[in-house]
N, C-alpha and C. Protein backbone atom coordinates (compact mmCIF):
# COMPACT_ATOMS: atom_id res chain seq x y z
N MET A 1 67.11 109.29 110.37
CA MET A 1 67.94 109.17 109.17
C MET A 1 68.66 110.71 109.04
N ASN A 2 67.82 111.72 109.32
CA ASN A 2 68.22 113.04 109.28
C ASN A 2 69.20 113.37 110.04
N ASP A 3 69.50 112.71 111.47
CA ASP A 3 70.33 113.19 112.33
C ASP A 3 71.88 112.50 111.65
N PHE A 4 71.91 111.49 111.20
CA PHE A 4 73.27 110.93 110.63
C PHE A 4 73.58 111.60 109.48
N ASP A 5 72.48 112.09 108.38
CA ASP A 5 72.93 112.95 107.53
C ASP A 5 73.45 114.25 107.89
N ALA A 6 73.17 114.87 109.19
CA ALA A 6 73.79 116.05 109.56
C ALA A 6 75.02 115.55 109.91
N ILE A 7 75.42 114.62 110.73
CA ILE A 7 76.62 114.25 111.35
C ILE A 7 77.49 113.89 110.11
N TYR A 8 77.13 113.12 109.24
CA TYR A 8 77.82 112.99 107.75
C TYR A 8 78.44 114.20 107.22
N ARG A 9 77.42 115.18 106.91
CA ARG A 9 77.73 116.55 106.42
C ARG A 9 78.68 117.29 107.32
N ALA A 10 78.60 117.12 108.28
CA ALA A 10 79.35 117.97 109.43
C ALA A 10 80.97 117.47 109.60
N TYR A 11 81.00 116.24 109.65
CA TYR A 11 82.31 115.56 109.76
C TYR A 11 82.81 114.87 108.89
N PHE A 12 82.28 114.75 107.57
CA PHE A 12 83.01 113.91 106.68
C PHE A 12 84.46 114.59 106.25
N HIS A 13 84.53 115.91 106.12
CA HIS A 13 85.99 116.37 105.85
C HIS A 13 86.78 116.17 106.90
N ASP A 14 86.33 116.28 108.25
CA ASP A 14 87.35 116.06 109.44
C ASP A 14 87.88 114.57 109.34
N VAL A 15 87.19 113.66 109.14
CA VAL A 15 87.36 112.10 109.21
C VAL A 15 88.08 111.98 107.93
N TYR A 16 87.82 112.49 106.61
CA TYR A 16 88.47 112.04 105.38
C TYR A 16 89.94 112.66 105.41
N TYR A 17 89.92 113.86 105.84
CA TYR A 17 91.56 114.53 106.30
C TYR A 17 92.33 113.84 107.06
N TYR A 18 91.68 113.28 108.23
CA TYR A 18 92.43 112.65 109.25
C TYR A 18 92.80 111.33 108.57
N LEU A 19 92.16 110.74 107.91
CA LEU A 19 92.57 109.40 107.12
C LEU A 19 93.61 109.61 106.13
N LYS A 20 93.43 110.93 105.62
CA LYS A 20 94.42 111.13 104.63
C LYS A 20 95.80 111.47 104.81
N SER A 21 95.74 112.05 106.20
CA SER A 21 97.06 112.33 106.95
C SER A 21 97.67 111.19 107.44
N LEU A 22 96.79 110.00 107.67
CA LEU A 22 97.39 108.85 108.09
C LEU A 22 97.92 107.90 107.03
N SER A 23 97.09 107.87 105.82
CA SER A 23 97.56 107.22 104.76
C SER A 23 98.25 107.64 103.65
N ARG A 24 98.08 109.19 103.43
CA ARG A 24 98.88 109.86 102.52
C ARG A 24 98.44 109.30 101.17
N SER A 25 97.17 109.02 101.04
CA SER A 25 96.64 108.76 99.80
C SER A 25 95.10 108.89 99.71
N ASP A 26 94.80 109.59 98.72
CA ASP A 26 93.22 110.19 98.52
C ASP A 26 92.51 108.60 98.33
N GLU A 27 92.77 108.01 97.64
CA GLU A 27 91.92 106.79 97.41
C GLU A 27 91.82 106.16 98.69
N VAL A 28 92.92 105.67 99.71
CA VAL A 28 92.67 104.97 100.65
C VAL A 28 91.93 105.81 101.66
N ALA A 29 91.94 107.11 101.66
CA ALA A 29 91.42 108.02 102.44
C ALA A 29 89.84 107.91 102.21
N GLU A 30 89.37 107.82 100.86
CA GLU A 30 87.87 108.03 100.59
C GLU A 30 87.27 106.71 100.74
N GLU A 31 87.92 105.63 100.48
CA GLU A 31 87.35 103.97 101.07
C GLU A 31 87.26 103.96 102.42
N LEU A 32 88.36 104.37 103.09
CA LEU A 32 88.18 104.34 104.51
C LEU A 32 86.99 105.28 105.11
N THR A 33 86.74 106.35 104.74
CA THR A 33 85.92 107.18 105.14
C THR A 33 84.76 106.66 104.96
N GLN A 34 84.31 106.15 103.82
CA GLN A 34 83.00 105.72 103.65
C GLN A 34 82.75 104.44 104.72
N GLN A 35 83.96 103.56 104.82
CA GLN A 35 83.69 102.51 105.79
C GLN A 35 83.38 103.06 107.40
N VAL A 36 84.11 104.22 107.71
CA VAL A 36 84.00 104.81 108.95
C VAL A 36 82.31 105.10 109.08
N PHE A 37 82.00 105.82 108.25
CA PHE A 37 80.55 106.23 108.42
C PHE A 37 79.36 105.08 108.44
N PHE A 38 79.87 104.07 107.58
CA PHE A 38 79.11 102.86 107.58
C PHE A 38 79.05 102.21 108.96
N LYS A 39 80.33 102.35 109.51
CA LYS A 39 80.55 101.61 110.93
C LYS A 39 79.74 102.49 112.00
N ALA A 40 79.88 103.89 111.66
CA ALA A 40 79.15 104.74 112.68
C ALA A 40 77.68 104.70 112.68
N LEU A 41 77.01 104.63 111.50
CA LEU A 41 75.53 104.50 111.21
C LEU A 41 75.09 103.12 111.90
N GLU A 42 75.78 102.04 111.97
CA GLU A 42 75.64 100.85 112.38
C GLU A 42 75.87 100.89 114.05
N ALA A 43 76.60 101.97 114.57
CA ALA A 43 76.72 101.70 115.88
C ALA A 43 76.27 102.92 116.57
N LEU A 44 75.47 104.00 115.67
CA LEU A 44 75.07 105.35 116.39
C LEU A 44 74.23 105.10 117.67
N ASP A 45 73.36 104.14 117.66
CA ASP A 45 72.54 104.02 118.79
C ASP A 45 73.26 103.66 120.15
N ARG A 46 74.46 103.08 119.80
CA ARG A 46 75.40 102.80 121.10
C ARG A 46 76.23 103.75 121.40
N PHE A 47 76.33 105.05 120.64
CA PHE A 47 76.92 106.16 121.07
C PHE A 47 76.62 106.84 122.30
N ARG A 48 77.40 106.75 123.27
CA ARG A 48 76.91 107.16 124.65
C ARG A 48 76.92 108.65 124.87
N GLY A 49 77.89 109.24 123.95
CA GLY A 49 77.65 110.83 124.18
C GLY A 49 78.81 111.40 125.21
N ASP A 50 79.67 110.46 125.67
CA ASP A 50 80.58 110.53 126.71
C ASP A 50 81.58 111.50 126.08
N CYS A 51 81.76 111.58 124.68
CA CYS A 51 82.93 112.41 124.23
C CYS A 51 82.49 113.18 123.00
N ASP A 52 83.13 114.16 122.46
CA ASP A 52 82.62 114.53 121.24
C ASP A 52 82.45 113.48 120.03
N ILE A 53 81.72 113.88 119.28
CA ILE A 53 81.32 112.80 118.05
C ILE A 53 82.64 112.92 117.14
N ARG A 54 83.10 113.93 117.08
CA ARG A 54 84.40 113.92 116.39
C ARG A 54 85.45 113.16 116.72
N ILE A 55 85.50 112.98 117.90
CA ILE A 55 86.71 111.85 118.66
C ILE A 55 86.10 110.73 118.57
N TRP A 56 85.02 110.45 118.62
CA TRP A 56 84.10 109.05 118.35
C TRP A 56 84.46 108.39 117.15
N LEU A 57 84.35 109.42 116.01
CA LEU A 57 84.25 109.28 114.51
C LEU A 57 85.98 108.77 114.31
N CYS A 58 86.77 109.68 114.91
CA CYS A 58 88.06 109.58 114.64
C CYS A 58 88.82 108.39 115.18
N ARG A 59 88.18 107.97 116.13
CA ARG A 59 88.68 106.81 117.04
C ARG A 59 88.43 105.41 115.89
N ILE A 60 86.96 105.68 115.01
CA ILE A 60 86.55 104.67 114.33
C ILE A 60 87.60 104.79 112.99
N ALA A 61 87.73 105.84 112.88
CA ALA A 61 88.83 106.02 111.52
C ALA A 61 90.07 105.26 111.92
N LYS A 62 90.65 105.53 113.04
CA LYS A 62 91.98 105.07 113.38
C LYS A 62 92.07 103.60 113.53
N ASN A 63 90.94 102.88 113.70
CA ASN A 63 90.60 101.43 113.90
C ASN A 63 90.73 101.04 112.67
N GLU A 64 89.91 101.71 111.92
CA GLU A 64 89.57 101.30 110.27
C GLU A 64 91.21 101.16 109.83
N TYR A 65 91.89 102.32 109.75
CA TYR A 65 93.12 102.26 109.09
C TYR A 65 94.00 101.26 109.69
N ILE A 66 93.87 101.15 111.07
CA ILE A 66 94.95 99.90 111.51
C ILE A 66 94.50 98.67 110.87
N SER A 67 93.20 98.29 110.84
CA SER A 67 92.85 97.16 110.25
C SER A 67 93.33 97.17 108.78
N TYR A 68 93.02 98.34 108.17
CA TYR A 68 93.48 98.34 106.50
C TYR A 68 95.03 98.03 106.57
N CYS A 69 95.97 98.62 107.43
CA CYS A 69 97.18 98.32 107.39
C CYS A 69 97.56 96.85 107.72
N ARG A 70 96.93 96.21 108.59
CA ARG A 70 97.08 94.72 108.66
C ARG A 70 96.75 93.91 107.54
N ARG A 71 95.54 94.26 106.86
CA ARG A 71 95.04 93.46 105.88
C ARG A 71 96.10 93.74 104.60
N SER A 72 96.78 95.00 104.43
CA SER A 72 97.28 95.18 103.22
C SER A 72 99.08 95.00 103.54
N GLY A 73 99.09 94.74 104.78
CA GLY A 73 100.61 94.54 105.07
C GLY A 73 101.43 95.50 105.08
N LYS A 74 100.65 96.99 105.05
CA LYS A 74 101.35 98.24 105.29
C LYS A 74 101.80 98.46 106.86
N GLU A 75 103.12 99.14 106.83
CA GLU A 75 103.50 99.61 107.94
C GLU A 75 102.61 100.80 108.61
N GLN A 76 102.14 100.58 109.71
CA GLN A 76 101.40 101.84 110.43
C GLN A 76 102.27 103.06 110.64
N PRO A 77 101.86 104.15 110.46
CA PRO A 77 102.69 105.40 110.66
C PRO A 77 103.01 105.38 112.15
N SER A 78 104.32 105.97 112.47
CA SER A 78 104.73 106.26 113.96
C SER A 78 105.41 107.86 113.84
N GLU A 79 104.54 108.93 113.25
CA GLU A 79 104.99 109.91 113.25
C GLU A 79 104.82 110.69 114.56
N LEU A 80 105.99 111.47 114.99
CA LEU A 80 105.84 112.23 116.29
C LEU A 80 106.54 113.20 116.08
N SER A 81 105.91 114.45 116.28
CA SER A 81 106.60 115.63 116.29
C SER A 81 107.85 115.51 117.39
N GLU A 82 108.80 116.35 117.32
CA GLU A 82 109.97 116.40 118.30
C GLU A 82 109.45 116.70 119.61
N CYS A 83 108.38 117.56 119.91
CA CYS A 83 108.03 117.98 121.07
C CYS A 83 107.10 116.58 121.56
N GLU A 84 106.21 116.01 120.97
CA GLU A 84 105.56 114.81 121.29
C GLU A 84 106.54 113.90 121.57
N ALA A 85 107.70 113.55 120.94
CA ALA A 85 108.51 112.48 121.33
C ALA A 85 109.28 112.77 122.55
N SER A 86 109.46 114.01 123.19
CA SER A 86 110.32 114.37 124.13
C SER A 86 109.29 114.44 125.17
N ASP A 87 108.05 114.61 125.12
CA ASP A 87 106.97 114.71 125.86
C ASP A 87 106.92 113.06 126.46
N ARG A 88 106.62 112.17 125.47
CA ARG A 88 106.71 110.92 125.75
C ARG A 88 107.83 110.43 126.47
N SER A 89 108.86 110.73 126.02
CA SER A 89 110.14 110.14 126.73
C SER A 89 110.18 110.80 128.18
N ALA A 90 109.64 111.60 128.37
CA ALA A 90 109.60 112.56 129.79
C ALA A 90 108.31 111.80 130.75
N GLY A 91 107.66 111.17 129.98
CA GLY A 91 106.44 110.41 130.74
C GLY A 91 105.29 111.25 130.75
N HIS A 92 105.05 112.07 129.85
CA HIS A 92 103.94 113.06 129.65
C HIS A 92 103.00 112.15 128.76
N VAL A 93 101.60 112.29 129.29
CA VAL A 93 100.42 111.75 128.37
C VAL A 93 100.15 112.41 127.16
N ARG A 94 99.89 111.89 126.14
CA ARG A 94 99.63 112.48 124.88
C ARG A 94 98.25 112.99 125.02
N TRP A 95 97.74 114.12 124.10
CA TRP A 95 96.44 114.67 124.09
C TRP A 95 95.54 113.53 123.86
N GLU A 96 95.76 113.06 122.92
CA GLU A 96 94.79 111.86 122.41
C GLU A 96 94.42 110.76 123.78
N GLU A 97 95.11 110.58 124.40
CA GLU A 97 95.17 109.92 125.44
C GLU A 97 94.31 110.27 126.68
N ARG A 98 94.43 111.65 126.64
CA ARG A 98 93.95 112.36 127.69
C ARG A 98 92.50 112.79 127.23
N LEU A 99 92.29 112.77 126.09
CA LEU A 99 90.99 112.76 125.62
C LEU A 99 90.05 111.74 125.85
N GLU A 100 90.62 110.52 126.08
CA GLU A 100 89.86 109.41 126.48
C GLU A 100 88.69 109.77 127.61
N ASP A 101 89.40 110.48 128.61
CA ASP A 101 88.60 110.88 129.70
C ASP A 101 87.65 111.95 129.44
N SER A 102 86.22 111.85 129.41
CA SER A 102 85.28 112.64 128.92
C SER A 102 85.25 113.77 129.65
N GLU A 103 85.55 113.83 130.99
CA GLU A 103 85.66 115.20 131.62
C GLU A 103 86.51 116.17 131.21
N THR A 104 87.87 115.39 131.13
CA THR A 104 89.09 116.14 130.56
C THR A 104 88.81 116.60 129.17
N ALA A 105 88.07 115.88 128.31
CA ALA A 105 87.61 116.10 126.79
C ALA A 105 86.78 117.68 126.94
N LEU A 106 85.79 117.38 127.67
CA LEU A 106 85.04 118.54 127.80
C LEU A 106 85.70 119.91 128.40
N ASP A 107 86.49 119.51 129.56
CA ASP A 107 87.27 120.75 129.78
C ASP A 107 88.05 121.51 128.91
N LEU A 108 88.74 120.57 127.89
CA LEU A 108 89.65 121.02 126.95
C LEU A 108 88.75 121.77 125.91
N HIS A 109 87.63 121.35 125.49
CA HIS A 109 86.79 121.90 124.56
C HIS A 109 86.52 123.46 125.34
N LYS A 110 86.04 123.37 126.30
CA LYS A 110 85.53 124.71 126.76
C LYS A 110 86.82 125.64 126.85
N ILE A 111 87.81 125.08 127.14
CA ILE A 111 89.07 125.89 127.17
C ILE A 111 89.51 126.60 125.71
N LEU A 112 89.64 125.42 124.74
CA LEU A 112 89.64 125.53 123.15
C LEU A 112 88.82 126.87 122.86
N HIS A 113 87.43 126.76 123.21
CA HIS A 113 86.46 127.68 122.86
C HIS A 113 86.77 129.17 123.37
N THR A 114 87.38 129.23 124.31
CA THR A 114 87.95 130.70 124.77
C THR A 114 89.11 131.17 124.09
N LEU A 115 89.95 130.34 123.41
CA LEU A 115 90.98 130.83 122.67
C LEU A 115 90.82 131.44 121.35
N ASP A 116 91.87 132.63 121.16
CA ASP A 116 91.75 133.28 119.88
C ASP A 116 92.06 132.67 119.04
N GLU A 117 91.72 133.13 117.62
CA GLU A 117 92.40 132.45 116.42
C GLU A 117 93.82 133.05 116.34
N PRO A 118 94.51 132.33 115.56
CA PRO A 118 94.57 131.19 115.14
C PRO A 118 94.87 130.01 115.96
N TYR A 119 94.91 130.50 117.23
CA TYR A 119 95.76 129.34 118.12
C TYR A 119 94.39 128.12 118.12
N LYS A 120 93.20 128.47 118.32
CA LYS A 120 92.03 127.57 118.55
C LYS A 120 92.04 126.54 117.34
N GLU A 121 92.12 127.32 116.08
CA GLU A 121 92.27 126.31 114.70
C GLU A 121 93.26 125.61 114.67
N VAL A 122 94.52 126.03 114.90
CA VAL A 122 95.84 125.45 114.81
C VAL A 122 95.91 124.18 115.76
N PHE A 123 95.58 124.60 116.95
CA PHE A 123 95.31 123.19 117.80
C PHE A 123 94.40 122.16 117.52
N SER A 124 93.16 122.78 117.18
CA SER A 124 92.10 121.58 116.56
C SER A 124 92.83 120.66 115.46
N LEU A 125 93.16 121.64 114.47
CA LEU A 125 93.75 120.73 113.21
C LEU A 125 94.91 119.80 113.70
N ARG A 126 95.72 120.22 114.60
CA ARG A 126 96.96 119.52 114.86
C ARG A 126 96.41 118.09 115.77
N THR A 127 95.20 118.44 116.75
CA THR A 127 95.26 117.51 117.98
C THR A 127 93.95 116.49 116.97
N PHE A 128 92.99 117.10 116.74
CA PHE A 128 91.76 116.49 116.41
C PHE A 128 91.75 116.04 114.71
N GLY A 129 92.45 116.98 113.86
CA GLY A 129 92.84 116.37 112.53
C GLY A 129 93.76 115.77 112.33
N GLU A 130 94.74 115.83 113.35
CA GLU A 130 96.04 115.23 113.18
C GLU A 130 96.78 115.45 112.15
N LEU A 131 96.69 116.81 111.59
CA LEU A 131 97.43 117.06 110.38
C LEU A 131 98.81 117.60 110.62
N SER A 132 99.69 117.37 109.78
CA SER A 132 100.98 117.68 110.09
C SER A 132 101.47 119.17 110.02
N PHE A 133 102.49 119.70 110.51
CA PHE A 133 102.81 121.12 110.54
C PHE A 133 102.63 121.65 109.15
N ARG A 134 103.25 120.96 108.41
CA ARG A 134 103.30 121.25 106.92
C ARG A 134 102.08 121.35 106.42
N GLN A 135 101.09 120.64 106.79
CA GLN A 135 99.69 120.82 106.13
C GLN A 135 99.05 121.96 106.80
N ILE A 136 99.32 122.08 108.13
CA ILE A 136 98.51 123.34 108.60
C ILE A 136 99.16 124.50 108.21
N ALA A 137 100.40 124.68 107.91
CA ALA A 137 100.92 125.67 107.24
C ALA A 137 100.37 126.17 105.97
N GLU A 138 99.96 124.92 104.89
CA GLU A 138 99.45 125.07 103.86
C GLU A 138 98.02 125.65 103.74
N VAL A 139 97.42 125.19 104.97
CA VAL A 139 95.82 125.65 105.21
C VAL A 139 96.29 127.24 105.54
N PHE A 140 97.04 127.69 106.12
CA PHE A 140 97.01 129.19 106.43
C PHE A 140 98.07 130.01 105.46
N GLY A 141 98.58 129.47 104.52
CA GLY A 141 99.64 130.08 103.91
C GLY A 141 100.83 130.65 104.52
N ARG A 142 101.31 129.73 105.41
CA ARG A 142 102.25 130.36 106.40
C ARG A 142 103.48 129.23 106.25
N SER A 143 104.67 129.41 107.11
CA SER A 143 105.62 128.40 107.31
C SER A 143 105.43 127.40 108.22
N GLN A 144 105.94 126.32 107.99
CA GLN A 144 106.02 125.50 108.89
C GLN A 144 106.35 125.69 110.34
N SER A 145 107.36 126.77 110.33
CA SER A 145 107.80 127.05 111.74
C SER A 145 106.59 128.00 112.50
N TRP A 146 105.90 128.64 111.71
CA TRP A 146 104.68 129.39 112.24
C TRP A 146 103.64 128.53 112.69
N ALA A 147 103.52 127.43 111.98
CA ALA A 147 102.30 126.31 112.54
C ALA A 147 102.85 125.80 113.71
N ARG A 148 104.02 125.38 113.87
CA ARG A 148 104.85 124.68 114.86
C ARG A 148 104.65 125.56 116.07
N VAL A 149 105.14 127.10 115.97
CA VAL A 149 105.23 127.81 116.93
C VAL A 149 103.74 128.03 117.45
N THR A 150 102.64 128.39 116.60
CA THR A 150 101.28 128.70 117.04
C THR A 150 100.76 127.46 117.72
N TYR A 151 101.02 126.37 117.22
CA TYR A 151 100.61 125.02 117.86
C TYR A 151 101.06 125.18 119.24
N HIS A 152 102.22 125.13 119.66
CA HIS A 152 102.96 124.85 120.86
C HIS A 152 102.53 126.26 121.84
N ARG A 153 102.25 127.50 121.22
CA ARG A 153 101.57 128.43 122.10
C ARG A 153 100.57 128.35 122.67
N SER A 154 99.59 127.74 121.56
CA SER A 154 98.14 127.26 122.09
C SER A 154 98.06 126.20 123.00
N ARG A 155 99.05 125.23 122.70
CA ARG A 155 99.02 124.03 123.88
C ARG A 155 99.50 124.80 125.29
N LEU A 156 100.47 125.75 125.31
CA LEU A 156 100.86 126.44 126.53
C LEU A 156 99.57 126.99 127.29
N LYS A 157 98.89 127.81 126.34
CA LYS A 157 97.84 128.72 126.85
C LYS A 157 96.72 127.37 127.60
N ILE A 158 96.78 126.43 126.84
CA ILE A 158 95.56 125.44 127.21
C ILE A 158 95.98 124.66 128.82
N ILE A 159 97.42 124.23 128.70
CA ILE A 159 97.93 123.74 129.96
C ILE A 159 97.94 124.68 131.04
N GLU A 160 97.95 126.08 130.72
CA GLU A 160 97.96 126.83 131.83
C GLU A 160 96.68 127.14 132.35
N LYS A 161 95.41 127.04 131.40
CA LYS A 161 94.15 127.06 131.75
C LYS A 161 93.74 125.83 132.38
N MET A 162 94.49 124.70 132.21
CA MET A 162 93.84 123.68 132.90
C MET A 162 94.67 123.44 134.17
N GLY A 163 95.38 124.28 134.59
CA GLY A 163 96.11 123.89 135.92
C GLY A 163 97.55 123.83 136.08
N GLY A 164 98.08 123.79 134.75
CA GLY A 164 99.40 124.03 134.54
C GLY A 164 100.02 122.93 134.45
N THR A 165 99.38 121.80 134.18
CA THR A 165 100.27 120.31 133.94
C THR A 165 99.78 119.61 132.70
N SER A 166 100.94 119.15 131.99
CA SER A 166 100.41 118.65 130.80
C SER A 166 100.31 117.12 131.00
N LYS A 167 100.36 116.55 132.18
CA LYS A 167 99.94 115.12 132.60
C LYS A 167 98.46 114.89 132.94
């Protein structure tokens, strides 16, 4: 149980803020975060370790949020930044979809580890925490434009280090 306690302490805020960014509600985020960790505890012995545990927990969280939306009749968010929308229309694969491949995810984390701040943190907050540019700007005490530019610069640095392709 000590391992799970460590996981809970290490990732509670990530899961909570991810769910809050989806639901835009403290109450819903709190309730679903508890459900996520309950499900994670039940499934921990089946966790294969082929991806970062944060990604695994966020997948559970996303599924819980989708289930919550279905149960309550709420519409699921379909927010995309302008850049993500243009990437998708051009046939580019989104970061979350690329992270499904454990080898790509490992490569990304290795590259991410080499980035300087604030690029590393802004990219992580946007990609793994799925925070909006407004929320990232609040974290750093900067403008939304700064958050947007910093994210896209970090993304370009990662793409360059991964071999120059965003597909």
